[in-house]
Each structure stands twice: as structure tokens, then as C-alpha cells.
Amino acid sequence: MKNQEHILVIGAGLCGSLLALRMAQRGYKVTLMEKRPDLREEIVDSGRSINLAFSDRGMKGLRLAGLEDKVLPLCIPMKGRMIHSTDGQLFMSPYSGRSHEYINSISREDLNIMLLDECDNMPGITMHFNQKCTGVDLETGKASFEDYKTHITTQYTADVVMGADGVGSALRKSMLDHRKFLFSYGQDFLTHGYKELSFPPAADGGFLVEKNALHIWPRGKDMMIALPNLDGSFTVTLFLSWEEGKDSFESLNTDAAIKDYFKREFPDALALMPNLLEEFAQNPTSPLGTIKCSPWHAYGKVLLLGDAAHGIVPFYGQGMNSAFEDIHVLDKYLDLHQGDWKAVFKAYQEERKEDTDAIADLAVDNFHEMKAHTARPIFQEKRKLEIAFETEFPKEYFSKYSLVTFREDLRYSEAMRRGRVQDKAILNLIHDGKFTASMTLHEKLDLVKQETRKMLHDDEVVEGLEEE
């Protein structure tokens, strides 16, 4: 590393604040810029999800920065999905048959505050809030920022500019506007949007429904989920079509229509939502989209990370986790190519792009699975079988969900490839009646492995033919 190189990080959200901290730990001088106010001093209405699912890949990034012990008190373990049917029946679908594997509900704000406090305590980091990035000169590393309060524009020059400024990234816009290299950019929105609602805590401060679960109300075309908070409340998110079908955000335009919809679809949840009508009116309806772009870097001067490079829908709970894993992967290449930013950025993107494309596609798949398939008998049978495999043979079998969520040693792209084929194999075997009552659990597992190997081999043959 050259003597005290200066890194400018745009965005002090979850990814940007962890990135700034890690770069400072590596000895760089860091300037961290954020367009919003300091959320430790003012209430910041970001319109984004209030709490998040935090799991192993995200922990890998925090562990790198030495924060594993500090984040755990902010977490509520969620052992599985609690599925609520329309008639009030409950079905608990564990995330894994291995008892030590679970995901965590964590407050976005609590985690961000913890990371900002760590940045404050780190020599070498300077933070500025209320600073909107108005553009970046990609070739020189010069960035302009307008102060929201004074409207004065200031320019900062750095050795490297890293954009962790989310789906509306100013750095990505500068790359898109730049005409000296080919920049590909696409965004793909779902026909559904989402709205945050809530369950309050119980009168005694406890939880009105099971604390250690992610609650889901799958209804085919739409769904609702609820994640626990430390104060006993739940953050509830309704995923609903913008305008298509009988029920949509457009059609739920009166108190009577809202009440009728919740009575029909979520009667058990409605009983726990005293503030439904107020929250429905006041809270924004937000879009759900996937962002893919390439390249993520230019001139050895600028780099995109997290949502700025690869925005995904939230249905695998991997948005924050993949952003934190970005930092872990970048850190590896900083060791391998220290001092050569072009080599670092190129190697980082070569590994990471394939994986973030994979988790983006998996997240859309999981949207359809959660809203429709989780309630179907064949999927519940598949899930029960997978949990039995993981419980009895924990080293031999990992479901697609486990491969993606708990196997931090496995790349997303490989988890997707193996997981999709395995899913198809089990569903085919169930559908074709190949599992008989006389078979032992291990015989069933052997059959799944055999079918999976055959299908993976067929895929490899097809890929080989395509390459010829």
C-alpha cells in the first residue's frame, strides 16, 4: 500500500459504514459521505425495510472487522418459517435440520448505528452527513457533493472512490453517463410492491406470536411476512400487486376495502393490528426490483459495491448479507494485489458478478415459492423430507436454502446450481411416487443423490455441447 492512500466512500448505510471501517482498519485514510442526516441525531425516514434477516454470509463480513460479539445482542434468532393458513392453522417449517443453523432478525437502524459508532471510534475516518453526491469524475477520482442545508457544493479528490450508495447510486449514474467505455445497466421491477405495517408488543412487553420465527401468510398471488423486534413488536410487510387482480394497492383505496381484504386473507393477523388503517395510510408503498450492471469499476479509480452494484429483491434475506460478503471478497483481493487497484477491482468483479447475479435470480424464485408454494402439500412434504435428511445426516445433505444461507464457504452461483437441481430431483421423486413406505430414510437420501447426480451430469453434457 502506498503511504496513506485516501479512499472516499459514498454512502454511510450498512455496506458503506462497514466498508469504511474495514478500509481504515487496513490503514487507509477514509472519508465517508452520506446524503441523509446522521440517524443517531435525527429520525431518518428512509422508506426501506425496518428490519432484516441477518445470516452467515453477513456475519463473515462483520467478523472480518472484529464485530461478531457486538452484533449478537442486536439479533433475535428465527429458527424457521411459521406458515399461517387462512383458517388459522400453523405449520412450522424449520430453516435447517441442524440445530445451530438459523437466521436472525435485526433492526436496520440498530445495526447502522453500531457501525457508525465504530467508524467514529476509528482513527483515520472522517464522516460528513447531509451531503448529496452530484457527480464523480471517474478518471481523476474527484467527486462533488452538495450540502443539503447550506446548498454549498464541495469537491473531494481521492485515490479511490467506492460507491456503496444503494439502488439510487450517484456513482453508478456517473458511470452510466460516461461515454468512454461500454456500461450495461438494467433494472427489472416486480408487479408487486410492499408496505410496512406492525404488530405491537403484548401488554406485558412480550410477543403476540411466536418470537423465534419468520411468520409468513402465503396467499398465492400475494403474501405477508412478520419479523420480531427486540421490544416485543413485529415488523409486518405486505407484498401485494400494484394494480393487477382483484386485490391490489390500487384497489385497497378505502378503509372498508382494507378491512375487508385483511378479514378475508389474514384474519388472525388482523386481530393483532390495532393501528392497521393509520399505518396503511401513512406508510409508503415501495417498489421491488432487481438491478444488474457491468462493469462495477473504471480506471482503477472507482468501484461499486452492495446494492449500488447489484440491487436484489428481499425474498432470500440476502441483500445486506451479500453486501457484507462483497467486503469480505474485496478484502481477499486487496491482500493478493496490494497496491494495484485495477487488478484488485478486476479480480473482485470476475469472482463476484456471477454470484450476485445468482442470488438476484434466486431471490425472485423465492418470491414465487414463498407466496404460493410454501402452502402446497407437495412442497411441505419436500420440506419435511429435507429437514429429516439434515437432522439425521447433517454432513450428507444440505437443502437449497441451507446451501445459500448457511454455507458461507460456498459461492452463491454453486449453491444455486446444486440447489435448483436437488429441488427438482426431490419434487420429481415425490410426484412420481418413487419414495415407498418400506424405504429407510437413508435409502430415500441415496435415491435423491442418485437423481441429483444424473441431472447435474445431464446439465454438464448440455453445457459442453453449447460450448462446442
Protein backbone atom coordinates (compact mmCIF):
# COMPACT_ATOMS: atom_id res chain seq x y z
CA MET A 1 0.00 0.00 0.00
CA LYS A 2 1.21 3.43 -0.88
CA ASN A 3 1.62 5.73 2.08
CA GLN A 4 -1.84 6.63 3.46
CA GLU A 5 -3.86 6.37 0.26
CA HIS A 6 -7.17 8.23 0.52
CA ILE A 7 -10.43 6.34 -0.06
CA LEU A 8 -13.71 8.22 -0.47
CA VAL A 9 -16.74 6.06 0.39
CA ILE A 10 -20.12 7.32 -0.82
CA GLY A 11 -22.98 6.12 1.37
CA ALA A 12 -22.92 5.52 5.13
CA GLY A 13 -25.62 2.88 5.21
CA LEU A 14 -24.86 -0.69 6.25
CA CYS A 15 -22.47 -1.53 3.41
CA GLY A 16 -20.73 1.85 3.30
CA SER A 17 -20.12 2.11 7.05
CA LEU A 18 -18.69 -1.44 7.26
CA LEU A 19 -16.59 -0.79 4.14
CA ALA A 20 -15.20 2.46 5.59
CA LEU A 21 -14.38 0.72 8.86
CA ARG A 22 -12.57 -2.14 7.15
CA MET A 23 -10.58 0.17 4.86
CA ALA A 24 -9.50 2.24 7.89
CA GLN A 25 -8.50 -0.96 9.71
CA ARG A 26 -6.28 -1.73 6.73
CA GLY A 27 -4.52 1.62 7.18
CA TYR A 28 -6.19 3.78 4.54
CA LYS A 29 -7.34 7.34 5.16
CA VAL A 30 -11.13 7.26 4.69
CA THR A 31 -13.73 9.96 4.03
CA LEU A 32 -17.31 8.67 4.46
CA MET A 33 -20.08 10.74 2.83
CA GLU A 34 -23.81 10.33 3.47
CA LYS A 35 -26.70 12.23 1.87
CA ARG A 36 -29.08 11.66 4.81
CA PRO A 37 -28.73 13.22 8.27
CA ASP A 38 -26.87 11.34 10.99
CA LEU A 39 -29.51 8.81 12.14
CA ARG A 40 -28.01 8.89 15.63
CA GLU A 41 -29.16 12.50 15.95
CA GLU A 42 -32.29 12.71 13.78
CA ILE A 43 -35.08 10.36 12.77
CA VAL A 44 -34.33 9.35 9.19
CA ASP A 45 -37.30 8.14 7.16
CA SER A 46 -35.59 6.04 4.53
CA GLY A 47 -38.71 4.24 3.27
CA ARG A 48 -36.73 0.99 3.39
CA SER A 49 -37.36 -2.19 5.32
CA ILE A 50 -37.15 -1.62 9.08
CA ASN A 51 -35.60 -4.97 9.92
CA LEU A 52 -33.58 -7.51 8.06
CA ALA A 53 -32.67 -11.18 8.05
CA PHE A 54 -29.04 -11.45 9.10
CA SER A 55 -27.20 -14.72 8.46
CA ASP A 56 -23.83 -16.42 8.00
CA ARG A 57 -22.56 -14.56 4.92
CA GLY A 58 -23.24 -11.23 6.61
CA MET A 59 -21.53 -12.40 9.77
CA LYS A 60 -18.45 -13.25 7.70
CA GLY A 61 -18.12 -9.54 6.83
CA LEU A 62 -18.65 -8.37 10.42
CA ARG A 63 -16.23 -10.99 11.75
CA LEU A 64 -13.59 -9.60 9.40
CA ALA A 65 -13.98 -6.23 11.15
CA GLY A 66 -13.98 -7.82 14.63
CA LEU A 67 -17.66 -7.07 15.33
CA GLU A 68 -19.15 -10.54 15.78
CA ASP A 69 -19.63 -10.17 19.55
CA LYS A 70 -21.08 -6.67 19.24
CA VAL A 71 -23.79 -7.61 16.73
CA LEU A 72 -25.16 -10.67 18.57
CA PRO A 73 -27.08 -8.68 21.25
CA LEU A 74 -28.99 -6.94 18.42
CA CYS A 75 -30.21 -10.26 16.99
CA ILE A 76 -33.33 -12.36 17.53
CA PRO A 77 -32.85 -15.92 16.24
CA MET A 78 -35.52 -17.15 13.79
CA LYS A 79 -35.47 -20.95 13.61
CA GLY A 80 -37.87 -21.30 10.68
CA ARG A 81 -40.92 -20.09 8.80
CA MET A 82 -44.21 -20.15 10.71
CA ILE A 83 -46.78 -20.55 7.94
CA HIS A 84 -50.27 -19.17 8.67
CA SER A 85 -53.14 -20.60 6.60
CA THR A 86 -56.39 -18.66 6.04
CA ASP A 87 -58.22 -20.89 8.55
CA GLY A 88 -55.67 -20.08 11.27
CA GLN A 89 -53.71 -23.35 11.07
CA LEU A 90 -49.98 -23.04 11.79
CA PHE A 91 -47.19 -25.04 10.16
CA MET A 92 -43.60 -24.56 11.36
CA SER A 93 -41.06 -25.15 8.59
CA PRO A 94 -37.54 -25.12 10.10
CA TYR A 95 -34.78 -23.45 8.08
CA SER A 96 -32.47 -26.37 8.77
CA GLY A 97 -32.36 -29.77 10.39
CA ARG A 98 -29.10 -28.75 12.07
CA SER A 99 -30.00 -27.03 15.36
CA HIS A 100 -27.14 -24.50 15.19
CA GLU A 101 -28.36 -23.10 11.83
CA TYR A 102 -30.87 -20.25 11.89
CA ILE A 103 -31.24 -16.70 10.63
CA ASN A 104 -31.62 -13.58 12.76
CA SER A 105 -34.00 -10.66 12.77
CA ILE A 106 -32.06 -7.42 13.21
CA SER A 107 -33.06 -3.76 13.16
CA ARG A 108 -31.52 -1.91 10.20
CA GLU A 109 -31.25 1.22 12.35
CA ASP A 110 -29.64 -0.52 15.35
CA LEU A 111 -27.05 -2.18 13.13
CA ASN A 112 -26.31 1.03 11.23
CA ILE A 113 -25.87 2.96 14.49
CA MET A 114 -23.48 0.31 15.81
CA LEU A 115 -21.40 0.55 12.61
CA LEU A 116 -21.37 4.37 12.62
CA ASP A 117 -20.25 4.36 16.26
CA GLU A 118 -17.41 2.02 15.32
CA CYS A 119 -16.44 4.39 12.49
CA ASP A 120 -16.47 7.31 14.95
CA ASN A 121 -14.08 5.42 17.22
CA MET A 122 -11.71 4.58 14.38
CA PRO A 123 -8.83 6.95 13.70
CA GLY A 124 -8.49 7.69 10.02
CA ILE A 125 -12.23 8.01 9.23
CA THR A 126 -13.87 11.40 8.65
CA MET A 127 -17.66 11.39 8.27
CA HIS A 128 -19.87 14.03 6.63
CA PHE A 129 -23.70 13.91 6.62
CA ASN A 130 -26.33 15.78 4.57
CA GLN A 131 -24.01 15.58 1.56
CA LYS A 132 -25.63 14.67 -1.76
CA CYS A 133 -23.21 13.38 -4.39
CA THR A 134 -23.85 15.32 -7.60
CA GLY A 135 -21.28 13.55 -9.74
CA VAL A 136 -17.94 11.75 -9.91
CA ASP A 137 -15.11 12.26 -12.40
CA LEU A 138 -14.23 8.61 -12.98
CA GLU A 139 -10.76 9.23 -14.37
CA THR A 140 -9.49 11.56 -11.64
CA GLY A 141 -11.38 10.31 -8.55
CA LYS A 142 -12.87 13.76 -7.97
CA ALA A 143 -16.39 13.81 -6.53
CA SER A 144 -18.79 16.75 -5.96
CA PHE A 145 -21.19 16.99 -3.04
CA GLU A 146 -23.96 19.48 -2.31
CA ASP A 147 -24.72 20.23 1.34
CA TYR A 148 -28.49 19.87 1.90
CA LYS A 149 -28.53 22.65 4.49
CA THR A 150 -26.19 25.28 3.03
CA HIS A 151 -26.53 24.25 -0.66
CA ILE A 152 -22.78 24.78 -0.99
CA THR A 153 -21.04 22.34 -3.35
CA THR A 154 -17.65 20.95 -2.30
CA GLN A 155 -15.25 18.80 -4.30
CA TYR A 156 -13.21 15.99 -2.81
CA THR A 157 -10.36 14.20 -4.59
CA ALA A 158 -9.35 10.70 -3.54
CA ASP A 159 -7.06 7.96 -4.76
CA VAL A 160 -10.10 5.68 -4.97
CA VAL A 161 -13.87 6.34 -4.84
CA MET A 162 -16.07 3.49 -3.65
CA GLY A 163 -19.83 3.74 -4.15
CA ALA A 164 -21.91 1.98 -1.52
CA ASP A 165 -24.76 4.40 -2.12
CA GLY A 166 -27.58 1.94 -2.77
CA VAL A 167 -30.02 1.36 -5.59
CA GLY A 168 -30.11 5.08 -6.48
CA SER A 169 -26.30 5.24 -6.66
CA ALA A 170 -24.83 8.57 -7.79
CA LEU A 171 -21.54 6.87 -8.69
CA ARG A 172 -23.37 4.35 -10.88
CA LYS A 173 -25.18 7.22 -12.60
CA SER A 174 -21.82 8.88 -13.35
CA MET A 175 -20.64 5.57 -14.85
CA LEU A 176 -23.81 5.30 -16.94
CA ASP A 177 -23.39 8.89 -18.20
CA HIS A 178 -19.71 8.34 -19.02
CA ARG A 179 -19.19 7.76 -22.74
CA LYS A 180 -15.64 6.38 -22.85
CA PHE A 181 -16.47 2.75 -22.06
CA LEU A 182 -19.46 0.46 -22.50
CA PHE A 183 -21.59 0.36 -19.38
CA SER A 184 -24.53 -2.06 -19.20
CA TYR A 185 -27.37 -1.29 -16.82
CA GLY A 186 -30.76 -2.87 -16.28
CA GLN A 187 -33.49 -2.75 -13.68
CA ASP A 188 -36.37 -5.17 -13.53
CA PHE A 189 -39.33 -4.45 -11.27
CA LEU A 190 -41.80 -6.99 -9.93
CA THR A 191 -45.50 -6.34 -10.49
CA HIS A 192 -45.73 -6.26 -6.67
CA GLY A 193 -44.81 -3.55 -4.20
CA TYR A 194 -44.55 -3.65 -0.41
CA LYS A 195 -45.85 -1.75 2.61
CA GLU A 196 -44.57 -1.90 6.19
CA LEU A 197 -47.14 -2.47 8.97
CA SER A 198 -46.77 -3.77 12.54
CA PHE A 199 -47.94 -5.89 15.46
CA PRO A 200 -47.44 -4.05 18.78
CA PRO A 201 -45.87 -5.80 21.79
CA ALA A 202 -48.14 -7.66 24.22
CA ALA A 203 -49.35 -5.72 27.26
CA ASP A 204 -46.56 -7.29 29.35
CA GLY A 205 -43.92 -6.40 26.76
CA GLY A 206 -43.83 -9.92 25.34
CA PHE A 207 -44.54 -11.19 21.82
CA LEU A 208 -48.08 -11.73 20.49
CA VAL A 209 -46.97 -14.58 18.21
CA GLU A 210 -44.02 -16.99 18.25
CA LYS A 211 -40.87 -14.94 18.82
CA ASN A 212 -38.26 -17.17 17.16
CA ALA A 213 -39.79 -17.49 13.71
CA LEU A 214 -40.28 -15.58 10.50
CA HIS A 215 -44.05 -15.56 10.10
CA ILE A 216 -45.50 -15.91 6.63
CA TRP A 217 -49.04 -15.72 5.28
CA PRO A 218 -48.78 -17.20 1.74
CA ARG A 219 -51.84 -16.44 -0.36
CA GLY A 220 -50.89 -17.46 -3.88
CA LYS A 221 -50.78 -14.10 -5.64
CA ASP A 222 -49.69 -12.10 -2.58
CA MET A 223 -48.36 -12.62 0.93
CA MET A 224 -47.48 -11.04 4.24
CA ILE A 225 -44.49 -11.67 6.49
CA ALA A 226 -43.60 -10.61 10.05
CA LEU A 227 -40.20 -10.38 11.76
CA PRO A 228 -39.69 -9.94 15.53
CA ASN A 229 -38.14 -6.86 17.15
CA LEU A 230 -36.31 -6.62 20.48
CA ASP A 231 -39.14 -4.56 22.05
CA GLY A 232 -41.72 -7.33 21.53
CA SER A 233 -43.25 -5.83 18.40
CA PHE A 234 -43.18 -7.32 14.90
CA THR A 235 -42.44 -5.54 11.65
CA VAL A 236 -45.07 -6.76 9.21
CA THR A 237 -44.61 -6.43 5.45
CA LEU A 238 -47.44 -6.80 2.95
CA PHE A 239 -46.40 -7.80 -0.58
CA LEU A 240 -49.21 -7.03 -2.99
CA SER A 241 -49.74 -6.32 -6.68
CA TRP A 242 -49.61 -2.62 -7.62
CA GLU A 243 -52.72 -2.78 -9.78
CA GLU A 244 -53.39 -6.26 -11.14
CA GLY A 245 -56.08 -8.67 -9.92
CA LYS A 246 -58.98 -8.29 -7.53
CA ASP A 247 -56.78 -7.16 -4.62
CA SER A 248 -54.04 -4.61 -5.23
CA PHE A 249 -52.60 -1.48 -3.66
CA GLU A 250 -54.66 0.46 -6.20
CA SER A 251 -57.94 -1.26 -5.22
CA LEU A 252 -57.35 -1.01 -1.45
CA ASN A 253 -58.25 2.68 -1.51
CA THR A 254 -60.83 2.89 1.28
CA ASP A 255 -60.84 1.84 4.94
CA ALA A 256 -63.66 -0.61 4.16
CA ALA A 257 -61.70 -2.24 1.31
CA ILE A 258 -58.58 -2.59 3.51
CA LYS A 259 -60.56 -4.10 6.40
CA ASP A 260 -62.42 -6.48 4.07
CA TYR A 261 -59.17 -7.67 2.47
CA PHE A 262 -57.48 -8.37 5.82
CA LYS A 263 -60.59 -10.13 7.18
CA ARG A 264 -60.61 -12.43 4.14
CA GLU A 265 -56.91 -13.09 3.80
CA PHE A 266 -55.24 -12.54 7.19
CA PRO A 267 -57.92 -12.81 9.91
CA ASP A 268 -55.52 -13.98 12.63
CA ALA A 269 -53.11 -11.13 11.83
CA LEU A 270 -55.88 -8.50 11.67
CA ALA A 271 -56.73 -9.28 15.31
CA LEU A 272 -53.16 -8.18 16.23
CA MET A 273 -53.13 -4.92 14.22
CA PRO A 274 -54.92 -2.13 16.13
CA ASN A 275 -53.19 0.55 14.02
CA LEU A 276 -53.72 -1.07 10.61
CA LEU A 277 -55.72 1.72 8.95
CA GLU A 278 -53.43 4.51 10.19
CA GLU A 279 -50.27 2.64 9.15
CA PHE A 280 -51.73 1.68 5.78
CA ALA A 281 -52.50 5.34 5.04
CA GLN A 282 -49.26 6.81 6.39
CA ASN A 283 -46.58 4.30 5.34
CA PRO A 284 -45.28 4.46 1.77
CA THR A 285 -45.83 1.75 -0.81
CA SER A 286 -42.40 0.91 -2.20
CA PRO A 287 -41.25 -0.91 -5.36
CA LEU A 288 -39.39 -4.22 -5.54
CA GLY A 289 -36.73 -4.51 -8.20
CA THR A 290 -33.51 -6.14 -9.32
CA ILE A 291 -30.58 -4.05 -10.56
CA LYS A 292 -27.74 -5.55 -12.59
CA CYS A 293 -24.92 -3.59 -14.17
CA SER A 294 -21.42 -4.03 -15.56
CA PRO A 295 -18.61 -3.13 -15.19
CA TRP A 296 -18.52 -2.25 -11.49
CA HIS A 297 -15.23 -0.38 -11.79
CA ALA A 298 -13.32 2.02 -14.04
CA TYR A 299 -9.74 3.28 -14.46
CA GLY A 300 -8.59 1.70 -11.20
CA LYS A 301 -10.26 4.73 -9.58
CA VAL A 302 -13.89 3.86 -8.86
CA LEU A 303 -15.76 0.77 -7.61
CA LEU A 304 -19.42 -0.09 -6.90
CA LEU A 305 -20.39 -2.39 -4.00
CA GLY A 306 -23.59 -3.67 -2.41
CA ASP A 307 -26.95 -2.50 -3.79
CA ALA A 308 -25.22 0.09 -5.97
CA ALA A 309 -23.74 -2.79 -8.00
CA HIS A 310 -26.43 -5.45 -7.54
CA GLY A 311 -29.79 -4.49 -6.03
CA ILE A 312 -31.97 -7.53 -5.29
CA VAL A 313 -35.49 -8.22 -4.04
CA PRO A 314 -35.65 -9.23 -0.35
CA PHE A 315 -37.06 -12.76 -0.62
CA TYR A 316 -33.91 -14.66 0.27
CA GLY A 317 -32.98 -12.23 3.03
CA GLN A 318 -29.59 -11.82 1.34
CA GLY A 319 -29.39 -8.12 0.35
CA MET A 320 -27.38 -6.96 3.35
CA ASN A 321 -25.64 -10.34 3.67
CA SER A 322 -24.40 -10.23 0.07
CA ALA A 323 -23.20 -6.63 0.53
CA PHE A 324 -21.20 -7.60 3.62
CA GLU A 325 -19.84 -10.63 1.73
CA ASP A 326 -18.73 -8.19 -1.03
CA ILE A 327 -16.43 -6.56 1.51
CA HIS A 328 -15.02 -9.94 2.54
CA VAL A 329 -14.24 -10.83 -1.10
CA LEU A 330 -12.75 -7.38 -1.82
CA ASP A 331 -10.54 -7.74 1.26
CA LYS A 332 -9.15 -11.02 -0.11
CA TYR A 333 -8.08 -9.36 -3.36
CA LEU A 334 -6.57 -6.40 -1.52
CA ASP A 335 -4.22 -8.95 0.05
CA LEU A 336 -3.50 -10.63 -3.28
CA HIS A 337 -2.93 -7.48 -5.39
CA GLN A 338 -2.00 -4.89 -2.79
CA GLY A 339 -1.30 -1.51 -4.31
CA ASP A 340 -2.70 -2.40 -7.75
CA TRP A 341 -6.29 -1.13 -7.70
CA LYS A 342 -7.01 -2.13 -11.31
CA ALA A 343 -6.02 -5.73 -10.57
CA VAL A 344 -7.99 -5.73 -7.29
CA PHE A 345 -11.18 -4.43 -8.93
CA LYS A 346 -10.92 -6.72 -11.96
CA ALA A 347 -10.38 -9.87 -9.88
CA TYR A 348 -13.13 -8.83 -7.44
CA GLN A 349 -15.71 -8.37 -10.19
CA GLU A 350 -14.68 -11.54 -12.02
CA GLU A 351 -15.49 -13.59 -8.93
CA ARG A 352 -18.39 -11.63 -7.56
CA LYS A 353 -20.57 -10.74 -10.56
CA GLU A 354 -21.56 -14.34 -11.27
CA ASP A 355 -22.51 -14.82 -7.62
CA THR A 356 -24.57 -11.65 -7.23
CA ASP A 357 -26.43 -12.45 -10.48
CA ALA A 358 -27.17 -15.88 -8.97
CA ILE A 359 -28.58 -14.56 -5.68
CA ALA A 360 -30.64 -11.97 -7.57
CA ASP A 361 -32.27 -14.75 -9.61
CA LEU A 362 -32.72 -16.96 -6.52
CA ALA A 363 -34.44 -14.10 -4.67
CA VAL A 364 -37.04 -13.75 -7.44
CA ASP A 365 -37.54 -17.56 -7.41
CA ASN A 366 -38.07 -17.46 -3.66
CA PHE A 367 -40.70 -14.74 -4.02
CA HIS A 368 -42.85 -17.13 -6.05
CA GLU A 369 -42.08 -20.03 -3.70
CA MET A 370 -42.99 -18.07 -0.55
CA LYS A 371 -46.25 -16.55 -1.76
CA ALA A 372 -47.59 -19.72 -3.38
CA HIS A 373 -45.61 -22.91 -2.97
CA THR A 374 -45.00 -22.92 0.80
CA ALA A 375 -48.69 -23.68 1.38
CA ARG A 376 -48.88 -26.54 -1.17
CA PRO A 377 -48.80 -30.13 0.18
CA ILE A 378 -46.04 -31.35 -2.21
CA PHE A 379 -43.72 -28.53 -1.07
CA GLN A 380 -44.50 -29.16 2.59
CA GLU A 381 -43.76 -32.87 2.04
CA LYS A 382 -40.47 -31.96 0.33
CA ARG A 383 -39.55 -29.63 3.20
CA LYS A 384 -40.30 -32.27 5.87
CA LEU A 385 -38.14 -34.76 3.99
CA GLU A 386 -35.27 -32.27 3.70
CA ILE A 387 -35.40 -31.43 7.40
CA ALA A 388 -35.32 -35.16 8.21
CA PHE A 389 -32.27 -35.59 5.93
CA GLU A 390 -30.47 -32.65 7.57
CA THR A 391 -31.35 -33.84 11.09
CA GLU A 392 -30.26 -37.45 10.60
CA PHE A 393 -27.43 -36.92 8.11
CA PRO A 394 -26.20 -33.36 8.79
CA LYS A 395 -22.95 -33.77 6.84
CA GLU A 396 -24.52 -35.53 3.85
CA TYR A 397 -27.42 -33.28 2.88
CA PHE A 398 -27.94 -29.52 2.55
CA SER A 399 -31.18 -28.10 1.12
CA LYS A 400 -31.01 -25.28 -1.42
CA TYR A 401 -31.93 -22.84 1.36
CA SER A 402 -29.11 -24.17 3.56
CA LEU A 403 -26.60 -24.05 0.69
CA VAL A 404 -27.45 -20.39 0.05
CA THR A 405 -27.92 -19.21 3.64
CA PHE A 406 -25.63 -21.28 5.85
CA ARG A 407 -22.82 -22.49 3.59
CA GLU A 408 -20.70 -19.34 3.63
CA ASP A 409 -17.85 -21.40 2.18
CA LEU A 410 -19.87 -21.99 -1.00
CA ARG A 411 -20.30 -19.37 -3.71
CA TYR A 412 -23.88 -18.27 -4.46
CA SER A 413 -23.52 -19.50 -8.06
CA GLU A 414 -22.60 -23.01 -6.94
CA ALA A 415 -25.32 -23.02 -4.26
CA MET A 416 -27.86 -22.07 -6.92
CA ARG A 417 -26.69 -24.72 -9.41
CA ARG A 418 -26.71 -27.55 -6.88
CA GLY A 419 -29.79 -26.38 -5.02
CA ARG A 420 -32.03 -26.00 -8.06
CA VAL A 421 -31.20 -29.47 -9.38
CA GLN A 422 -31.68 -31.04 -5.95
CA ASP A 423 -35.10 -29.37 -5.59
CA LYS A 424 -36.18 -30.65 -8.98
CA ALA A 425 -34.95 -34.16 -8.15
CA ILE A 426 -36.92 -34.38 -4.89
CA LEU A 427 -40.12 -32.92 -6.37
CA ASN A 428 -39.91 -35.36 -9.31
CA LEU A 429 -39.40 -38.32 -6.95
CA ILE A 430 -42.37 -37.28 -4.77
CA HIS A 431 -44.58 -36.61 -7.79
CA ASP A 432 -43.70 -39.95 -9.41
CA GLY A 433 -44.28 -41.88 -6.16
CA LYS A 434 -40.70 -43.20 -6.04
CA PHE A 435 -40.43 -42.92 -2.23
CA THR A 436 -42.09 -46.04 -0.80
CA ALA A 437 -43.22 -46.70 2.77
CA SER A 438 -40.77 -49.59 3.10
CA MET A 439 -37.71 -47.42 2.32
CA THR A 440 -35.44 -46.23 5.11
CA LEU A 441 -34.61 -42.52 5.32
CA HIS A 442 -31.07 -43.21 4.09
CA GLU A 443 -32.41 -45.16 1.10
CA LYS A 444 -34.54 -42.13 0.24
CA LEU A 445 -31.48 -39.89 0.55
CA ASP A 446 -29.46 -42.22 -1.70
CA LEU A 447 -32.24 -42.01 -4.29
CA VAL A 448 -32.18 -38.19 -4.13
CA LYS A 449 -28.39 -38.15 -4.50
CA GLN A 450 -28.55 -40.54 -7.45
CA GLU A 451 -31.22 -38.47 -9.23
CA THR A 452 -29.38 -35.21 -8.47
CA ARG A 453 -26.09 -36.59 -9.84
CA LYS A 454 -27.84 -37.75 -13.01
CA MET A 455 -29.47 -34.34 -13.55
CA LEU A 456 -26.23 -32.45 -12.83
CA HIS A 457 -24.45 -34.72 -15.32
CA ASP A 458 -27.15 -34.03 -17.95
CA ASP A 459 -26.72 -30.27 -17.35
CA GLU A 460 -22.94 -30.59 -17.78
CA VAL A 461 -23.39 -32.51 -21.04
CA VAL A 462 -25.73 -29.80 -22.37
CA GLU A 463 -23.30 -27.05 -21.30
CA GLY A 464 -20.48 -28.96 -23.05
CA LEU A 465 -22.50 -29.19 -26.27
CA GLU A 466 -23.27 -25.46 -26.14
CA GLU A 467 -19.58 -24.65 -25.80
CA GLU A 468 -18.53 -26.80 -28.80
